[in-house]
Amino acid sequence: MPSETHSQRVLDLAGQRGLLRASDLDAIGAPRVVLTRLNGAGLLERVGRGLYRLTDAQVSEFESLGAVAAKVPQAVFCLFTALQFHELTTQLPRQVWIAMPRGSHSPRIDYPPIKMVQFTGEAFSAGVEEVERDGVRLRVYGVAKTVADSFKHRNKIGLDVALEALKDARSRNKASVDEIWRYAKVCRVANVIRPYLEGIG
């Protein structure tokens, strides 16, 4: 029976991907009604608008990032979220922080709550790393860029958070002074960051 094959294909795909978007079904030729059926049967769980996962899936700390990356592929995780990703902060952000190019509209997502910051030009495109977690490709700023961003947006996240990130990045050799300096110039905060960089030498 074709519907059973569709269901199995959808469940297999959900197993591979972790998070499944309704549009992912097009690639395997399954109608979207299968999602509703599997959800009703208790095999799939709806975690947000058009976003599903296996009911018995192991939920990881990266699930909320995966949910955002699936919905907004061009977003880059930044500031508090990037700091947490790189273990450079003790803060636990209540929102997922994303960078988008200037002029972007805030994405409409009902899960998880997001905070969008607009970056321009090279400040948006430089220092992006792509990593895979739970089968989802995440775009996140690297350590040195995140430290520079923290100084640039210190009025949003606090200078104490930026300083904590800088100290941790250096003491744990996660970024060199040269790398941080390069991104400080990209973000136009070289003068702001210089005394702190010299201070921890």
C-alpha atoms as a PDB file:
ATOM      1  CA  MET A   1       0.000   0.000   0.000  1.00  0.00           C
ATOM      2  CA  PRO A   2       1.647   3.285  -1.116  1.00  0.00           C
ATOM      3  CA  SER A   3       0.641   5.303   1.960  1.00  0.00           C
ATOM      4  CA  GLU A   4       2.517   2.844   4.209  1.00  0.00           C
ATOM      5  CA  THR A   5       5.629   3.273   2.067  1.00  0.00           C
ATOM      6  CA  HIS A   6       5.261   7.061   2.297  1.00  0.00           C
ATOM      7  CA  SER A   7       4.929   6.841   6.075  1.00  0.00           C
ATOM      8  CA  GLN A   8       8.032   4.661   6.378  1.00  0.00           C
ATOM      9  CA  ARG A   9      10.012   6.984   4.129  1.00  0.00           C
ATOM     10  CA  VAL A  10       8.980  10.002   6.184  1.00  0.00           C
ATOM     11  CA  LEU A  11       9.881   8.255   9.460  1.00  0.00           C
ATOM     12  CA  ASP A  12      13.271   7.214   8.020  1.00  0.00           C
ATOM     13  CA  LEU A  13      13.947  10.787   6.910  1.00  0.00           C
ATOM     14  CA  ALA A  14      12.969  12.140  10.339  1.00  0.00           C
ATOM     15  CA  GLY A  15      15.389   9.624  11.864  1.00  0.00           C
ATOM     16  CA  GLN A  16      18.241  10.845   9.636  1.00  0.00           C
ATOM     17  CA  ARG A  17      17.547  14.559   9.893  1.00  0.00           C
ATOM     18  CA  GLY A  18      16.433  14.898  13.496  1.00  0.00           C
ATOM     19  CA  LEU A  19      14.097  17.751  12.556  1.00  0.00           C
ATOM     20  CA  LEU A  20      11.819  17.502   9.560  1.00  0.00           C
ATOM     21  CA  ARG A  21      10.303  20.424   7.653  1.00  0.00           C
ATOM     22  CA  ALA A  22       7.110  19.946   5.656  1.00  0.00           C
ATOM     23  CA  SER A  23       9.060  20.965   2.526  1.00  0.00           C
ATOM     24  CA  ASP A  24      11.543  18.079   3.057  1.00  0.00           C
ATOM     25  CA  LEU A  25       8.803  15.682   1.962  1.00  0.00           C
ATOM     26  CA  ASP A  26       8.979  16.991  -1.619  1.00  0.00           C
ATOM     27  CA  ALA A  27      12.408  15.373  -2.044  1.00  0.00           C
ATOM     28  CA  ILE A  28      11.006  11.908  -1.288  1.00  0.00           C
ATOM     29  CA  GLY A  29       7.725  12.439  -3.144  1.00  0.00           C
ATOM     30  CA  ALA A  30       5.523  12.042  -0.067  1.00  0.00           C
ATOM     31  CA  PRO A  31       2.348  14.119   0.366  1.00  0.00           C
ATOM     32  CA  ARG A  32       2.358  16.490   3.357  1.00  0.00           C
ATOM     33  CA  VAL A  33      -0.806  14.920   4.757  1.00  0.00           C
ATOM     34  CA  VAL A  34       1.471  12.040   5.883  1.00  0.00           C
ATOM     35  CA  LEU A  35       2.886  14.381   8.557  1.00  0.00           C
ATOM     36  CA  THR A  36      -0.582  14.999   9.988  1.00  0.00           C
ATOM     37  CA  ARG A  37      -1.326  11.280   9.919  1.00  0.00           C
ATOM     38  CA  LEU A  38       1.933  10.303  11.649  1.00  0.00           C
ATOM     39  CA  ASN A  39       1.436  13.096  14.180  1.00  0.00           C
ATOM     40  CA  GLY A  40      -2.085  11.812  14.897  1.00  0.00           C
ATOM     41  CA  ALA A  41      -0.745   8.267  15.280  1.00  0.00           C
ATOM     42  CA  GLY A  42       1.760   9.513  17.860  1.00  0.00           C
ATOM     43  CA  LEU A  43       4.824   8.634  15.737  1.00  0.00           C
ATOM     44  CA  LEU A  44       5.811  12.222  14.961  1.00  0.00           C
ATOM     45  CA  GLU A  45       5.752  15.191  17.312  1.00  0.00           C
ATOM     46  CA  ARG A  46       5.110  18.739  16.104  1.00  0.00           C
ATOM     47  CA  VAL A  47       7.697  21.103  17.600  1.00  0.00           C
ATOM     48  CA  GLY A  48       6.765  24.252  15.681  1.00  0.00           C
ATOM     49  CA  ARG A  49       4.841  25.391  12.630  1.00  0.00           C
ATOM     50  CA  GLY A  50       5.727  22.935   9.858  1.00  0.00           C
ATOM     51  CA  LEU A  51       8.453  21.313  11.971  1.00  0.00           C
ATOM     52  CA  TYR A  52       8.377  17.722  13.242  1.00  0.00           C
ATOM     53  CA  ARG A  53      10.573  15.128  14.932  1.00  0.00           C
ATOM     54  CA  LEU A  54      10.233  11.486  15.938  1.00  0.00           C
ATOM     55  CA  THR A  55       8.271  11.193  19.182  1.00  0.00           C
ATOM     56  CA  ASP A  56      10.959   9.071  20.818  1.00  0.00           C
ATOM     57  CA  ALA A  57      13.880  11.163  19.468  1.00  0.00           C
ATOM     58  CA  GLN A  58      16.667  12.059  21.872  1.00  0.00           C
ATOM     59  CA  VAL A  59      16.355  15.810  22.277  1.00  0.00           C
ATOM     60  CA  SER A  60      19.741  17.503  22.313  1.00  0.00           C
ATOM     61  CA  GLU A  61      20.837  20.957  23.443  1.00  0.00           C
ATOM     62  CA  PHE A  62      21.195  21.836  19.757  1.00  0.00           C
ATOM     63  CA  GLU A  63      17.567  21.127  18.909  1.00  0.00           C
ATOM     64  CA  SER A  64      16.427  24.747  19.151  1.00  0.00           C
ATOM     65  CA  LEU A  65      19.336  25.805  16.901  1.00  0.00           C
ATOM     66  CA  GLY A  66      18.385  23.068  14.442  1.00  0.00           C
ATOM     67  CA  ALA A  67      14.796  24.303  14.430  1.00  0.00           C
ATOM     68  CA  VAL A  68      15.944  27.825  13.506  1.00  0.00           C
ATOM     69  CA  ALA A  69      18.497  26.614  10.924  1.00  0.00           C
ATOM     70  CA  ALA A  70      15.815  24.483   9.252  1.00  0.00           C
ATOM     71  CA  LYS A  71      13.456  27.446   8.963  1.00  0.00           C
ATOM     72  CA  VAL A  72      15.982  30.232   8.240  1.00  0.00           C
ATOM     73  CA  PRO A  73      18.993  28.655   6.462  1.00  0.00           C
ATOM     74  CA  GLN A  74      20.715  32.028   5.838  1.00  0.00           C
ATOM     75  CA  ALA A  75      20.748  32.940   9.555  1.00  0.00           C
ATOM     76  CA  VAL A  76      24.074  32.878  11.403  1.00  0.00           C
ATOM     77  CA  PHE A  77      24.059  32.173  15.140  1.00  0.00           C
ATOM     78  CA  CYS A  78      25.702  35.095  16.912  1.00  0.00           C
ATOM     79  CA  LEU A  79      26.365  36.860  20.210  1.00  0.00           C
ATOM     80  CA  PHE A  80      24.844  35.019  23.226  1.00  0.00           C
ATOM     81  CA  THR A  81      24.001  31.904  21.185  1.00  0.00           C
ATOM     82  CA  ALA A  82      27.476  31.743  19.587  1.00  0.00           C
ATOM     83  CA  LEU A  83      29.104  32.424  22.984  1.00  0.00           C
ATOM     84  CA  GLN A  84      27.146  29.548  24.495  1.00  0.00           C
ATOM     85  CA  PHE A  85      27.944  27.310  21.500  1.00  0.00           C
ATOM     86  CA  HIS A  86      31.691  27.949  21.978  1.00  0.00           C
ATOM     87  CA  GLU A  87      31.395  27.677  25.803  1.00  0.00           C
ATOM     88  CA  LEU A  88      32.543  31.271  26.299  1.00  0.00           C
ATOM     89  CA  THR A  89      29.799  32.439  28.626  1.00  0.00           C
ATOM     90  CA  THR A  90      28.093  31.373  31.829  1.00  0.00           C
ATOM     91  CA  GLN A  91      24.889  33.126  30.702  1.00  0.00           C
ATOM     92  CA  LEU A  92      21.955  31.038  29.509  1.00  0.00           C
ATOM     93  CA  PRO A  93      20.144  33.040  26.832  1.00  0.00           C
ATOM     94  CA  ARG A  94      16.347  32.760  26.805  1.00  0.00           C
ATOM     95  CA  GLN A  95      16.309  33.428  23.061  1.00  0.00           C
ATOM     96  CA  VAL A  96      18.272  32.124  20.098  1.00  0.00           C
ATOM     97  CA  TRP A  97      20.357  35.011  18.739  1.00  0.00           C
ATOM     98  CA  ILE A  98      20.741  35.185  14.970  1.00  0.00           C
ATOM     99  CA  ALA A  99      22.475  37.592  12.598  1.00  0.00           C
ATOM    100  CA  MET A 100      20.787  38.513   9.317  1.00  0.00           C
ATOM    101  CA  PRO A 101      21.853  40.922   6.559  1.00  0.00           C
ATOM    102  CA  ARG A 102      20.701  44.530   6.998  1.00  0.00           C
ATOM    103  CA  GLY A 103      17.199  45.053   5.644  1.00  0.00           C
ATOM    104  CA  SER A 104      16.021  41.517   6.511  1.00  0.00           C
ATOM    105  CA  HIS A 105      12.611  41.019   8.062  1.00  0.00           C
ATOM    106  CA  SER A 106      12.506  39.175  11.345  1.00  0.00           C
ATOM    107  CA  PRO A 107      11.638  35.529  10.563  1.00  0.00           C
ATOM    108  CA  ARG A 108       8.231  34.368  11.782  1.00  0.00           C
ATOM    109  CA  ILE A 109       8.987  31.409  14.005  1.00  0.00           C
ATOM    110  CA  ASP A 110       6.798  30.214  16.866  1.00  0.00           C
ATOM    111  CA  TYR A 111       9.519  27.955  18.334  1.00  0.00           C
ATOM    112  CA  PRO A 112      12.075  28.734  19.720  1.00  0.00           C
ATOM    113  CA  PRO A 113      11.983  32.477  20.593  1.00  0.00           C
ATOM    114  CA  ILE A 114      14.562  34.359  18.524  1.00  0.00           C
ATOM    115  CA  LYS A 115      16.397  37.665  18.737  1.00  0.00           C
ATOM    116  CA  MET A 116      17.535  39.009  15.371  1.00  0.00           C
ATOM    117  CA  VAL A 117      20.458  41.413  14.976  1.00  0.00           C
ATOM    118  CA  GLN A 118      21.206  42.985  11.585  1.00  0.00           C
ATOM    119  CA  PHE A 119      24.817  42.953  10.396  1.00  0.00           C
ATOM    120  CA  THR A 120      26.139  44.707   7.285  1.00  0.00           C
ATOM    121  CA  GLY A 121      28.573  43.614   4.575  1.00  0.00           C
ATOM    122  CA  GLU A 122      31.700  41.870   5.776  1.00  0.00           C
ATOM    123  CA  ALA A 123      30.527  42.036   9.393  1.00  0.00           C
ATOM    124  CA  PHE A 124      27.783  39.595   8.311  1.00  0.00           C
ATOM    125  CA  SER A 125      29.747  37.386   5.896  1.00  0.00           C
ATOM    126  CA  ALA A 126      33.129  37.084   7.663  1.00  0.00           C
ATOM    127  CA  GLY A 127      33.986  34.407  10.198  1.00  0.00           C
ATOM    128  CA  VAL A 128      31.044  32.078   9.508  1.00  0.00           C
ATOM    129  CA  GLU A 129      31.682  28.411  10.335  1.00  0.00           C
ATOM    130  CA  GLU A 130      29.439  25.576   9.221  1.00  0.00           C
ATOM    131  CA  VAL A 131      29.035  22.705  11.645  1.00  0.00           C
ATOM    132  CA  GLU A 132      26.734  19.733  11.684  1.00  0.00           C
ATOM    133  CA  ARG A 133      24.824  18.778  14.816  1.00  0.00           C
ATOM    134  CA  ASP A 134      22.138  16.086  14.913  1.00  0.00           C
ATOM    135  CA  GLY A 135      22.075  15.951  11.108  1.00  0.00           C
ATOM    136  CA  VAL A 136      21.335  19.679  10.744  1.00  0.00           C
ATOM    137  CA  ARG A 137      23.809  22.151   9.226  1.00  0.00           C
ATOM    138  CA  LEU A 138      24.320  25.143  11.513  1.00  0.00           C
ATOM    139  CA  ARG A 139      25.987  28.430  10.547  1.00  0.00           C
ATOM    140  CA  VAL A 140      27.689  30.006  13.539  1.00  0.00           C
ATOM    141  CA  TYR A 141      30.342  32.693  13.897  1.00  0.00           C
ATOM    142  CA  GLY A 142      33.754  31.348  14.955  1.00  0.00           C
ATOM    143  CA  VAL A 143      35.318  32.201  18.312  1.00  0.00           C
ATOM    144  CA  ALA A 144      37.412  35.235  17.228  1.00  0.00           C
ATOM    145  CA  LYS A 145      34.514  36.799  15.276  1.00  0.00           C
ATOM    146  CA  THR A 146      32.117  36.179  18.187  1.00  0.00           C
ATOM    147  CA  VAL A 147      34.488  37.931  20.599  1.00  0.00           C
ATOM    148  CA  ALA A 148      34.730  40.939  18.237  1.00  0.00           C
ATOM    149  CA  ASP A 149      30.925  40.961  17.794  1.00  0.00           C
ATOM    150  CA  SER A 150      30.511  40.953  21.577  1.00  0.00           C
ATOM    151  CA  PHE A 151      32.496  44.195  21.831  1.00  0.00           C
ATOM    152  CA  LYS A 152      30.656  45.732  18.893  1.00  0.00           C
ATOM    153  CA  HIS A 153      27.274  44.934  20.487  1.00  0.00           C
ATOM    154  CA  ARG A 154      28.380  45.431  24.092  1.00  0.00           C
ATOM    155  CA  ASN A 155      25.410  47.759  24.675  1.00  0.00           C
ATOM    156  CA  LYS A 156      23.086  44.817  23.861  1.00  0.00           C
ATOM    157  CA  ILE A 157      24.833  42.049  25.803  1.00  0.00           C
ATOM    158  CA  GLY A 158      26.980  43.924  28.350  1.00  0.00           C
ATOM    159  CA  LEU A 159      30.690  44.762  28.431  1.00  0.00           C
ATOM    160  CA  ASP A 160      31.196  42.205  31.242  1.00  0.00           C
ATOM    161  CA  VAL A 161      30.000  39.429  28.894  1.00  0.00           C
ATOM    162  CA  ALA A 162      32.384  40.619  26.134  1.00  0.00           C
ATOM    163  CA  LEU A 163      35.316  40.707  28.590  1.00  0.00           C
ATOM    164  CA  GLU A 164      34.486  37.231  29.928  1.00  0.00           C
ATOM    165  CA  ALA A 165      34.429  35.915  26.329  1.00  0.00           C
ATOM    166  CA  LEU A 166      37.762  37.566  25.482  1.00  0.00           C
ATOM    167  CA  LYS A 167      39.483  36.193  28.607  1.00  0.00           C
ATOM    168  CA  ASP A 168      38.086  32.682  28.090  1.00  0.00           C
ATOM    169  CA  ALA A 169      38.972  32.627  24.384  1.00  0.00           C
ATOM    170  CA  ARG A 170      42.583  33.559  25.186  1.00  0.00           C
ATOM    171  CA  SER A 171      43.122  31.525  28.374  1.00  0.00           C
ATOM    172  CA  ARG A 172      41.780  28.391  26.688  1.00  0.00           C
ATOM    173  CA  ASN A 173      43.610  29.064  23.400  1.00  0.00           C
ATOM    174  CA  LYS A 174      40.387  29.078  21.389  1.00  0.00           C
ATOM    175  CA  ALA A 175      41.475  32.134  19.378  1.00  0.00           C
ATOM    176  CA  SER A 176      44.784  33.945  18.896  1.00  0.00           C
ATOM    177  CA  VAL A 177      45.315  37.665  19.491  1.00  0.00           C
ATOM    178  CA  ASP A 178      45.883  38.092  15.729  1.00  0.00           C
ATOM    179  CA  GLU A 179      42.570  36.404  14.861  1.00  0.00           C
ATOM    180  CA  ILE A 180      40.638  38.505  17.358  1.00  0.00           C
ATOM    181  CA  TRP A 181      42.401  41.656  16.092  1.00  0.00           C
ATOM    182  CA  ARG A 182      41.531  40.814  12.468  1.00  0.00           C
ATOM    183  CA  TYR A 183      37.814  40.534  13.264  1.00  0.00           C
ATOM    184  CA  ALA A 184      37.950  43.578  15.560  1.00  0.00           C
ATOM    185  CA  LYS A 185      38.985  45.539  12.440  1.00  0.00           C
ATOM    186  CA  VAL A 186      36.183  43.945  10.358  1.00  0.00           C
ATOM    187  CA  CYS A 187      33.673  44.916  13.085  1.00  0.00           C
ATOM    188  CA  ARG A 188      35.288  48.360  13.502  1.00  0.00           C
ATOM    189  CA  VAL A 189      35.950  47.932  17.219  1.00  0.00           C
ATOM    190  CA  ALA A 190      39.772  47.777  17.080  1.00  0.00           C
ATOM    191  CA  ASN A 191      40.146  50.897  19.255  1.00  0.00           C
ATOM    192  CA  VAL A 192      37.627  49.583  21.784  1.00  0.00           C
ATOM    193  CA  ILE A 193      39.228  46.145  22.085  1.00  0.00           C
ATOM    194  CA  ARG A 194      42.921  47.207  21.950  1.00  0.00           C
ATOM    195  CA  PRO A 195      43.412  48.062  25.671  1.00  0.00           C
ATOM    196  CA  TYR A 196      41.726  44.821  26.766  1.00  0.00           C
ATOM    197  CA  LEU A 197      43.796  42.729  24.345  1.00  0.00           C
ATOM    198  CA  GLU A 198      46.991  44.410  25.557  1.00  0.00           C
ATOM    199  CA  GLY A 199      45.859  43.911  29.145  1.00  0.00           C
ATOM    200  CA  ILE A 200      45.617  40.130  28.801  1.00  0.00           C
ATOM    201  CA  GLY A 201      48.567  39.991  26.342  1.00  0.00           C
END
